[in-house]
Amino acid sequence: MEQSPLEEAEQPGALAQEFLTAMEPEPAPAPAPEEWLDILVNGLLRKKTLVPGPPGSSLPTKGQVVTVQLQMSLENGMQVQEEEELVFTLGNCEVIQVLDLSVPLMDVGQQVSLHPPHSGQCLEVTLKTAVDGPDLEMLMGQELVALTNRKR
């Protein structure tokens, strides 16, 4: 049995409920996914995935030897540097800080664009491999010298 609008209004709290319902804001639409990830959470280094890593790929860890393909260009598109296979030990400060900070957040096989604002540069990086580094205590003479020379 339906009640007339007058009878509904006479119920205790009906007007207050109607008022509150009218005052509720419309739910905001879900925001679109952000293309750029702010790695440092301060706007100084942003990352955008161009090609995701394959399913089941893993993140590299500090001390692993990683191989990346690197293309560095100016914001106007002029290419400055290209490295087909840049090999370095992650976290040993062997490369520019942008790579040491962003590569640990990449899956093997992933390709990203990195943009440190106010630098005038853009980097395109593909993480090719990540393998455990050598055990320094097990290295013999020439191997240790070769490793040391590579790190200079």
N, C-alpha and C. Protein backbone atom coordinates (compact mmCIF):
# COMPACT_ATOMS: atom_id res chain seq x y z
N MET A 1 0.83 -1.16 0.00
CA MET A 1 0.00 0.00 0.00
C MET A 1 0.89 1.24 0.00
N GLU A 2 0.71 2.08 -1.03
CA GLU A 2 1.54 3.27 -1.13
C GLU A 2 0.95 4.40 -0.33
N GLN A 3 1.89 5.23 0.19
CA GLN A 3 1.44 6.39 0.95
C GLN A 3 1.48 7.61 0.04
N SER A 4 0.58 8.53 0.31
CA SER A 4 0.59 9.76 -0.46
C SER A 4 1.79 10.59 -0.04
N PRO A 5 2.25 11.51 -0.89
CA PRO A 5 3.39 12.36 -0.53
C PRO A 5 3.16 13.14 0.75
N LEU A 6 1.90 13.52 1.01
CA LEU A 6 1.60 14.25 2.23
C LEU A 6 1.80 13.35 3.45
N GLU A 7 1.37 12.09 3.34
CA GLU A 7 1.53 11.16 4.45
C GLU A 7 3.01 10.86 4.70
N GLU A 8 3.82 10.73 3.57
CA GLU A 8 5.27 10.48 3.71
C GLU A 8 5.93 11.63 4.44
N ALA A 9 5.55 12.86 4.09
CA ALA A 9 6.15 14.03 4.70
C ALA A 9 5.82 14.13 6.17
N GLU A 10 4.69 13.54 6.56
CA GLU A 10 4.28 13.63 7.96
C GLU A 10 5.02 12.63 8.84
N GLN A 11 5.71 11.65 8.24
CA GLN A 11 6.45 10.68 9.04
C GLN A 11 7.64 11.39 9.68
N PRO A 12 7.93 11.03 10.93
CA PRO A 12 9.05 11.70 11.61
C PRO A 12 10.36 11.49 10.86
N GLY A 13 11.05 12.57 10.60
CA GLY A 13 12.36 12.52 9.96
C GLY A 13 12.34 12.42 8.45
N ALA A 14 11.16 12.33 7.84
CA ALA A 14 11.08 12.17 6.38
C ALA A 14 11.62 13.39 5.67
N LEU A 15 11.26 14.57 6.14
CA LEU A 15 11.77 15.80 5.49
C LEU A 15 13.28 15.93 5.66
N ALA A 16 13.76 15.58 6.83
CA ALA A 16 15.21 15.66 7.07
C ALA A 16 15.94 14.68 6.16
N GLN A 17 15.40 13.48 6.01
CA GLN A 17 16.02 12.48 5.15
C GLN A 17 16.04 12.95 3.70
N GLU A 18 14.91 13.54 3.26
CA GLU A 18 14.83 14.05 1.89
C GLU A 18 15.85 15.17 1.67
N PHE A 19 15.98 16.05 2.66
CA PHE A 19 16.93 17.15 2.57
C PHE A 19 18.37 16.62 2.49
N LEU A 20 18.70 15.65 3.34
CA LEU A 20 20.06 15.09 3.34
C LEU A 20 20.38 14.38 2.03
N THR A 21 19.40 13.68 1.49
CA THR A 21 19.59 12.99 0.22
C THR A 21 19.86 14.00 -0.89
N ALA A 22 19.13 15.11 -0.89
CA ALA A 22 19.32 16.14 -1.91
C ALA A 22 20.68 16.83 -1.77
N MET A 23 21.22 16.90 -0.56
CA MET A 23 22.48 17.59 -0.31
C MET A 23 23.71 16.72 -0.59
N GLU A 24 23.53 15.40 -0.71
CA GLU A 24 24.67 14.52 -0.95
C GLU A 24 25.23 14.80 -2.33
N PRO A 25 26.55 14.97 -2.41
CA PRO A 25 27.14 15.22 -3.73
C PRO A 25 27.14 13.95 -4.57
N GLU A 26 27.11 14.15 -5.86
CA GLU A 26 27.20 13.01 -6.77
C GLU A 26 28.58 12.37 -6.59
N PRO A 27 28.67 11.06 -6.62
CA PRO A 27 29.99 10.45 -6.50
C PRO A 27 30.86 10.85 -7.69
N ALA A 28 32.10 11.21 -7.38
CA ALA A 28 33.03 11.63 -8.43
C ALA A 28 33.41 10.43 -9.27
N PRO A 29 33.57 10.63 -10.57
CA PRO A 29 34.00 9.51 -11.41
C PRO A 29 35.43 9.11 -11.03
N ALA A 30 35.72 7.84 -11.20
CA ALA A 30 37.07 7.35 -10.87
C ALA A 30 38.08 8.06 -11.77
N PRO A 31 39.18 8.52 -11.19
CA PRO A 31 40.17 9.21 -12.01
C PRO A 31 40.82 8.26 -13.01
N ALA A 32 41.19 8.80 -14.16
CA ALA A 32 41.88 8.00 -15.17
C ALA A 32 43.24 7.60 -14.63
N PRO A 33 43.72 6.43 -14.99
CA PRO A 33 45.03 6.02 -14.49
C PRO A 33 46.11 7.00 -14.96
N GLU A 34 46.97 7.35 -14.06
CA GLU A 34 48.04 8.30 -14.34
C GLU A 34 49.09 7.62 -15.22
N GLU A 35 49.44 8.25 -16.33
CA GLU A 35 50.45 7.68 -17.21
C GLU A 35 51.83 7.71 -16.57
N TRP A 36 52.16 8.79 -15.90
CA TRP A 36 53.48 8.96 -15.32
C TRP A 36 53.45 8.60 -13.84
N LEU A 37 54.42 7.81 -13.42
CA LEU A 37 54.58 7.44 -12.02
C LEU A 37 55.67 8.32 -11.44
N ASP A 38 55.37 9.00 -10.35
CA ASP A 38 56.33 9.86 -9.68
C ASP A 38 57.17 8.98 -8.75
N ILE A 39 58.36 8.60 -9.20
CA ILE A 39 59.20 7.64 -8.48
C ILE A 39 59.61 8.14 -7.11
N LEU A 40 60.02 9.39 -7.00
CA LEU A 40 60.53 9.93 -5.75
C LEU A 40 59.44 10.61 -4.91
N VAL A 41 58.24 10.69 -5.42
CA VAL A 41 57.09 11.31 -4.78
C VAL A 41 57.32 12.80 -4.49
N ASN A 42 58.21 13.42 -5.26
CA ASN A 42 58.43 14.86 -5.11
C ASN A 42 58.47 15.55 -6.47
N GLY A 43 58.16 14.81 -7.52
CA GLY A 43 58.12 15.39 -8.86
C GLY A 43 59.46 15.47 -9.56
N LEU A 44 60.52 14.96 -8.96
CA LEU A 44 61.85 15.10 -9.55
C LEU A 44 62.26 13.96 -10.47
N LEU A 45 61.49 12.89 -10.49
CA LEU A 45 61.79 11.78 -11.40
C LEU A 45 60.49 11.04 -11.71
N ARG A 46 60.12 11.06 -13.00
CA ARG A 46 58.88 10.41 -13.41
C ARG A 46 59.17 9.27 -14.38
N LYS A 47 58.33 8.23 -14.32
CA LYS A 47 58.50 7.05 -15.16
C LYS A 47 57.17 6.73 -15.83
N LYS A 48 57.24 6.40 -17.13
CA LYS A 48 56.05 5.97 -17.87
C LYS A 48 56.39 4.66 -18.57
N THR A 49 55.56 3.65 -18.38
CA THR A 49 55.79 2.36 -19.02
C THR A 49 55.37 2.43 -20.48
N LEU A 50 56.31 2.08 -21.36
CA LEU A 50 56.04 2.04 -22.79
C LEU A 50 55.66 0.62 -23.22
N VAL A 51 56.44 -0.37 -22.71
CA VAL A 51 56.17 -1.78 -22.97
C VAL A 51 56.30 -2.51 -21.64
N PRO A 52 55.22 -3.14 -21.16
CA PRO A 52 55.32 -3.84 -19.88
C PRO A 52 56.19 -5.09 -20.00
N GLY A 53 56.75 -5.50 -18.87
CA GLY A 53 57.52 -6.74 -18.85
C GLY A 53 56.59 -7.92 -19.04
N PRO A 54 57.12 -9.05 -19.50
CA PRO A 54 56.27 -10.23 -19.68
C PRO A 54 55.74 -10.75 -18.35
N PRO A 55 54.62 -11.44 -18.37
CA PRO A 55 54.07 -11.99 -17.12
C PRO A 55 55.10 -12.90 -16.44
N GLY A 56 55.22 -12.76 -15.15
CA GLY A 56 56.14 -13.59 -14.39
C GLY A 56 57.56 -13.05 -14.34
N SER A 57 57.81 -11.91 -14.98
CA SER A 57 59.16 -11.34 -14.93
C SER A 57 59.39 -10.76 -13.54
N SER A 58 60.66 -10.61 -13.19
CA SER A 58 60.98 -10.20 -11.82
C SER A 58 61.70 -8.86 -11.79
N LEU A 59 61.66 -8.24 -10.62
CA LEU A 59 62.37 -6.98 -10.40
C LEU A 59 63.81 -7.28 -10.02
N PRO A 60 64.77 -6.50 -10.51
CA PRO A 60 66.16 -6.71 -10.10
C PRO A 60 66.38 -6.20 -8.68
N THR A 61 67.43 -6.68 -8.04
CA THR A 61 67.74 -6.25 -6.68
C THR A 61 69.15 -5.67 -6.63
N LYS A 62 69.40 -4.91 -5.58
CA LYS A 62 70.70 -4.29 -5.39
C LYS A 62 71.79 -5.36 -5.40
N GLY A 63 72.87 -5.07 -6.12
CA GLY A 63 73.99 -6.01 -6.22
C GLY A 63 73.94 -6.88 -7.46
N GLN A 64 72.78 -6.94 -8.12
CA GLN A 64 72.70 -7.72 -9.35
C GLN A 64 73.34 -6.94 -10.50
N VAL A 65 73.89 -7.68 -11.45
CA VAL A 65 74.45 -7.07 -12.65
C VAL A 65 73.33 -7.02 -13.67
N VAL A 66 73.01 -5.80 -14.11
CA VAL A 66 71.91 -5.60 -15.05
C VAL A 66 72.43 -5.12 -16.39
N THR A 67 71.70 -5.46 -17.42
CA THR A 67 72.00 -4.98 -18.77
C THR A 67 70.79 -4.21 -19.25
N VAL A 68 71.02 -2.98 -19.68
CA VAL A 68 69.92 -2.16 -20.19
C VAL A 68 70.27 -1.63 -21.56
N GLN A 69 69.24 -1.34 -22.32
CA GLN A 69 69.40 -0.59 -23.56
C GLN A 69 68.96 0.82 -23.22
N LEU A 70 69.79 1.80 -23.57
CA LEU A 70 69.54 3.18 -23.16
C LEU A 70 69.58 4.11 -24.36
N GLN A 71 68.58 4.96 -24.45
CA GLN A 71 68.58 6.04 -25.43
C GLN A 71 68.31 7.32 -24.66
N MET A 72 69.24 8.25 -24.75
CA MET A 72 69.09 9.53 -24.05
C MET A 72 68.93 10.62 -25.11
N SER A 73 67.92 11.46 -24.90
CA SER A 73 67.69 12.55 -25.84
C SER A 73 67.31 13.80 -25.08
N LEU A 74 67.42 14.92 -25.78
CA LEU A 74 66.98 16.19 -25.21
C LEU A 74 65.47 16.29 -25.37
N GLU A 75 64.86 17.20 -24.65
CA GLU A 75 63.40 17.35 -24.72
C GLU A 75 62.92 17.70 -26.12
N ASN A 76 63.80 18.30 -26.94
CA ASN A 76 63.40 18.65 -28.31
C ASN A 76 63.50 17.45 -29.26
N GLY A 77 63.91 16.27 -28.74
CA GLY A 77 63.97 15.05 -29.54
C GLY A 77 65.34 14.72 -30.07
N MET A 78 66.30 15.62 -29.96
CA MET A 78 67.65 15.36 -30.46
C MET A 78 68.33 14.28 -29.61
N GLN A 79 68.73 13.18 -30.26
CA GLN A 79 69.36 12.08 -29.54
C GLN A 79 70.79 12.44 -29.16
N VAL A 80 71.12 12.21 -27.89
CA VAL A 80 72.43 12.58 -27.35
C VAL A 80 73.32 11.35 -27.16
N GLN A 81 72.72 10.25 -26.71
CA GLN A 81 73.49 9.05 -26.42
C GLN A 81 72.64 7.83 -26.65
N GLU A 82 73.29 6.76 -27.14
CA GLU A 82 72.60 5.49 -27.30
C GLU A 82 73.56 4.37 -26.91
N GLU A 83 73.09 3.51 -26.03
CA GLU A 83 73.86 2.36 -25.57
C GLU A 83 73.01 1.11 -25.81
N GLU A 84 73.47 0.23 -26.67
CA GLU A 84 72.73 -1.01 -26.93
C GLU A 84 72.77 -1.94 -25.73
N GLU A 85 73.93 -2.04 -25.08
CA GLU A 85 74.07 -2.92 -23.92
C GLU A 85 74.93 -2.24 -22.87
N LEU A 86 74.30 -1.53 -21.99
CA LEU A 86 74.98 -0.89 -20.87
C LEU A 86 74.88 -1.83 -19.68
N VAL A 87 76.04 -2.29 -19.17
CA VAL A 87 76.07 -3.26 -18.08
C VAL A 87 76.61 -2.56 -16.84
N PHE A 88 75.90 -2.73 -15.71
CA PHE A 88 76.35 -2.15 -14.45
C PHE A 88 75.77 -2.93 -13.28
N THR A 89 76.42 -2.76 -12.13
CA THR A 89 75.93 -3.39 -10.90
C THR A 89 74.95 -2.44 -10.25
N LEU A 90 73.76 -2.92 -10.00
CA LEU A 90 72.70 -2.09 -9.46
C LEU A 90 73.00 -1.65 -8.04
N GLY A 91 72.91 -0.35 -7.80
CA GLY A 91 73.11 0.20 -6.47
C GLY A 91 74.55 0.53 -6.12
N ASN A 92 75.48 0.39 -7.08
CA ASN A 92 76.89 0.68 -6.80
C ASN A 92 77.31 2.06 -7.31
N CYS A 93 76.38 2.88 -7.72
CA CYS A 93 76.66 4.25 -8.21
C CYS A 93 77.63 4.23 -9.39
N GLU A 94 77.49 3.23 -10.27
CA GLU A 94 78.34 3.14 -11.46
C GLU A 94 77.77 3.94 -12.63
N VAL A 95 76.51 4.33 -12.54
CA VAL A 95 75.84 5.04 -13.63
C VAL A 95 75.14 6.26 -13.05
N ILE A 96 74.49 7.02 -13.91
CA ILE A 96 73.78 8.20 -13.42
C ILE A 96 72.68 7.76 -12.44
N GLN A 97 72.39 8.62 -11.51
CA GLN A 97 71.47 8.30 -10.42
C GLN A 97 70.07 7.94 -10.92
N VAL A 98 69.66 8.53 -12.03
CA VAL A 98 68.34 8.24 -12.60
C VAL A 98 68.20 6.73 -12.85
N LEU A 99 69.26 6.11 -13.37
CA LEU A 99 69.21 4.67 -13.65
C LEU A 99 69.24 3.86 -12.36
N ASP A 100 70.10 4.23 -11.43
CA ASP A 100 70.20 3.50 -10.16
C ASP A 100 68.88 3.54 -9.38
N LEU A 101 68.11 4.62 -9.54
CA LEU A 101 66.85 4.75 -8.82
C LEU A 101 65.68 4.08 -9.54
N SER A 102 65.69 4.08 -10.86
CA SER A 102 64.53 3.60 -11.60
C SER A 102 64.61 2.14 -12.03
N VAL A 103 65.79 1.62 -12.32
CA VAL A 103 65.89 0.23 -12.79
C VAL A 103 65.37 -0.77 -11.77
N PRO A 104 65.58 -0.57 -10.44
CA PRO A 104 65.00 -1.53 -9.50
C PRO A 104 63.47 -1.59 -9.52
N LEU A 105 62.84 -0.62 -10.17
CA LEU A 105 61.37 -0.59 -10.25
C LEU A 105 60.86 -1.12 -11.59
N MET A 106 61.76 -1.73 -12.36
CA MET A 106 61.41 -2.25 -13.68
C MET A 106 61.43 -3.77 -13.68
N ASP A 107 60.52 -4.37 -14.45
CA ASP A 107 60.56 -5.80 -14.68
C ASP A 107 61.56 -6.08 -15.80
N VAL A 108 62.18 -7.26 -15.77
CA VAL A 108 63.04 -7.65 -16.88
C VAL A 108 62.17 -7.72 -18.12
N GLY A 109 62.60 -7.06 -19.18
CA GLY A 109 61.84 -6.99 -20.42
C GLY A 109 60.99 -5.73 -20.56
N GLN A 110 60.87 -4.97 -19.50
CA GLN A 110 60.05 -3.75 -19.53
C GLN A 110 60.81 -2.60 -20.18
N GLN A 111 60.09 -1.77 -20.92
CA GLN A 111 60.66 -0.57 -21.53
C GLN A 111 59.92 0.63 -20.96
N VAL A 112 60.69 1.62 -20.48
CA VAL A 112 60.09 2.80 -19.87
C VAL A 112 60.71 4.07 -20.43
N SER A 113 59.98 5.14 -20.23
CA SER A 113 60.49 6.47 -20.51
C SER A 113 60.68 7.15 -19.16
N LEU A 114 61.86 7.73 -18.96
CA LEU A 114 62.17 8.42 -17.70
C LEU A 114 62.34 9.89 -18.00
N HIS A 115 61.80 10.71 -17.11
CA HIS A 115 61.90 12.15 -17.31
C HIS A 115 62.20 12.83 -15.99
N PRO A 116 63.46 13.26 -15.82
CA PRO A 116 63.75 14.10 -14.66
C PRO A 116 63.45 15.56 -15.04
N PRO A 117 62.36 16.15 -14.53
CA PRO A 117 62.01 17.53 -14.90
C PRO A 117 63.16 18.50 -14.61
N HIS A 118 63.21 19.55 -15.33
CA HIS A 118 64.21 20.61 -15.21
C HIS A 118 65.60 20.17 -15.67
N SER A 119 65.72 18.96 -16.25
CA SER A 119 67.03 18.51 -16.72
C SER A 119 67.15 18.69 -18.23
N GLY A 120 66.02 18.81 -18.90
CA GLY A 120 66.04 18.94 -20.35
C GLY A 120 66.31 17.62 -21.05
N GLN A 121 66.27 16.50 -20.32
CA GLN A 121 66.58 15.20 -20.90
C GLN A 121 65.40 14.25 -20.77
N CYS A 122 65.36 13.29 -21.68
CA CYS A 122 64.43 12.18 -21.61
C CYS A 122 65.23 10.91 -21.86
N LEU A 123 64.96 9.88 -21.10
CA LEU A 123 65.66 8.61 -21.26
C LEU A 123 64.65 7.53 -21.59
N GLU A 124 65.00 6.68 -22.53
CA GLU A 124 64.20 5.51 -22.83
C GLU A 124 65.06 4.31 -22.47
N VAL A 125 64.57 3.48 -21.54
CA VAL A 125 65.36 2.39 -20.99
C VAL A 125 64.60 1.09 -21.13
N THR A 126 65.31 0.05 -21.59
CA THR A 126 64.77 -1.30 -21.63
C THR A 126 65.66 -2.17 -20.76
N LEU A 127 65.08 -2.84 -19.77
CA LEU A 127 65.84 -3.74 -18.91
C LEU A 127 65.90 -5.10 -19.60
N LYS A 128 67.10 -5.47 -20.05
CA LYS A 128 67.27 -6.72 -20.80
C LYS A 128 67.51 -7.91 -19.88
N THR A 129 68.45 -7.79 -18.94
CA THR A 129 68.75 -8.91 -18.05
C THR A 129 69.08 -8.40 -16.65
N ALA A 130 68.96 -9.29 -15.69
CA ALA A 130 69.37 -9.03 -14.31
C ALA A 130 69.85 -10.36 -13.74
N VAL A 131 71.16 -10.43 -13.44
CA VAL A 131 71.74 -11.67 -12.90
C VAL A 131 72.51 -11.33 -11.64
N ASP A 132 72.66 -12.33 -10.78
CA ASP A 132 73.41 -12.11 -9.56
C ASP A 132 74.85 -11.75 -9.88
N GLY A 133 75.39 -10.79 -9.13
CA GLY A 133 76.76 -10.36 -9.32
C GLY A 133 77.74 -11.41 -8.82
N PRO A 134 79.02 -11.25 -9.16
CA PRO A 134 80.02 -12.22 -8.73
C PRO A 134 80.26 -12.15 -7.23
N ASP A 135 80.64 -13.28 -6.65
CA ASP A 135 81.02 -13.34 -5.25
C ASP A 135 82.46 -12.85 -5.17
N LEU A 136 82.68 -11.66 -4.61
CA LEU A 136 83.99 -11.04 -4.61
C LEU A 136 85.04 -11.88 -3.89
N GLU A 137 84.64 -12.63 -2.91
CA GLU A 137 85.59 -13.45 -2.16
C GLU A 137 86.08 -14.65 -2.96
N MET A 138 85.35 -15.02 -4.00
CA MET A 138 85.72 -16.18 -4.82
C MET A 138 86.53 -15.79 -6.05
N LEU A 139 86.65 -14.49 -6.34
CA LEU A 139 87.38 -14.05 -7.53
C LEU A 139 88.88 -14.17 -7.31
N MET A 140 89.57 -14.58 -8.36
CA MET A 140 91.02 -14.70 -8.32
C MET A 140 91.63 -13.48 -9.01
N GLY A 141 92.89 -13.28 -8.88
CA GLY A 141 93.67 -12.14 -9.35
C GLY A 141 93.15 -11.40 -10.56
N GLN A 142 93.25 -12.01 -11.76
CA GLN A 142 92.90 -11.32 -13.00
C GLN A 142 91.40 -10.99 -13.06
N GLU A 143 90.56 -11.86 -12.54
CA GLU A 143 89.13 -11.59 -12.53
C GLU A 143 88.81 -10.37 -11.69
N LEU A 144 89.47 -10.26 -10.54
CA LEU A 144 89.25 -9.13 -9.64
C LEU A 144 89.75 -7.83 -10.26
N VAL A 145 90.90 -7.90 -10.93
CA VAL A 145 91.44 -6.72 -11.62
C VAL A 145 90.51 -6.29 -12.74
N ALA A 146 90.00 -7.26 -13.51
CA ALA A 146 89.08 -6.93 -14.62
C ALA A 146 87.81 -6.27 -14.09
N LEU A 147 87.28 -6.79 -12.99
CA LEU A 147 86.09 -6.20 -12.39
C LEU A 147 86.37 -4.79 -11.90
N THR A 148 87.50 -4.59 -11.27
CA THR A 148 87.87 -3.27 -10.76
C THR A 148 88.02 -2.28 -11.91
N ASN A 149 88.66 -2.71 -12.99
CA ASN A 149 88.85 -1.82 -14.14
C ASN A 149 87.51 -1.44 -14.78
N ARG A 150 86.59 -2.38 -14.79
CA ARG A 150 85.27 -2.11 -15.38
C ARG A 150 84.54 -1.05 -14.56
N LYS A 151 84.75 -1.03 -13.26
CA LYS A 151 84.05 -0.10 -12.38
C LYS A 151 84.66 1.29 -12.37
N ARG A 152 85.84 1.48 -12.95
CA ARG A 152 86.46 2.81 -12.95
C ARG A 152 85.76 3.75 -13.88
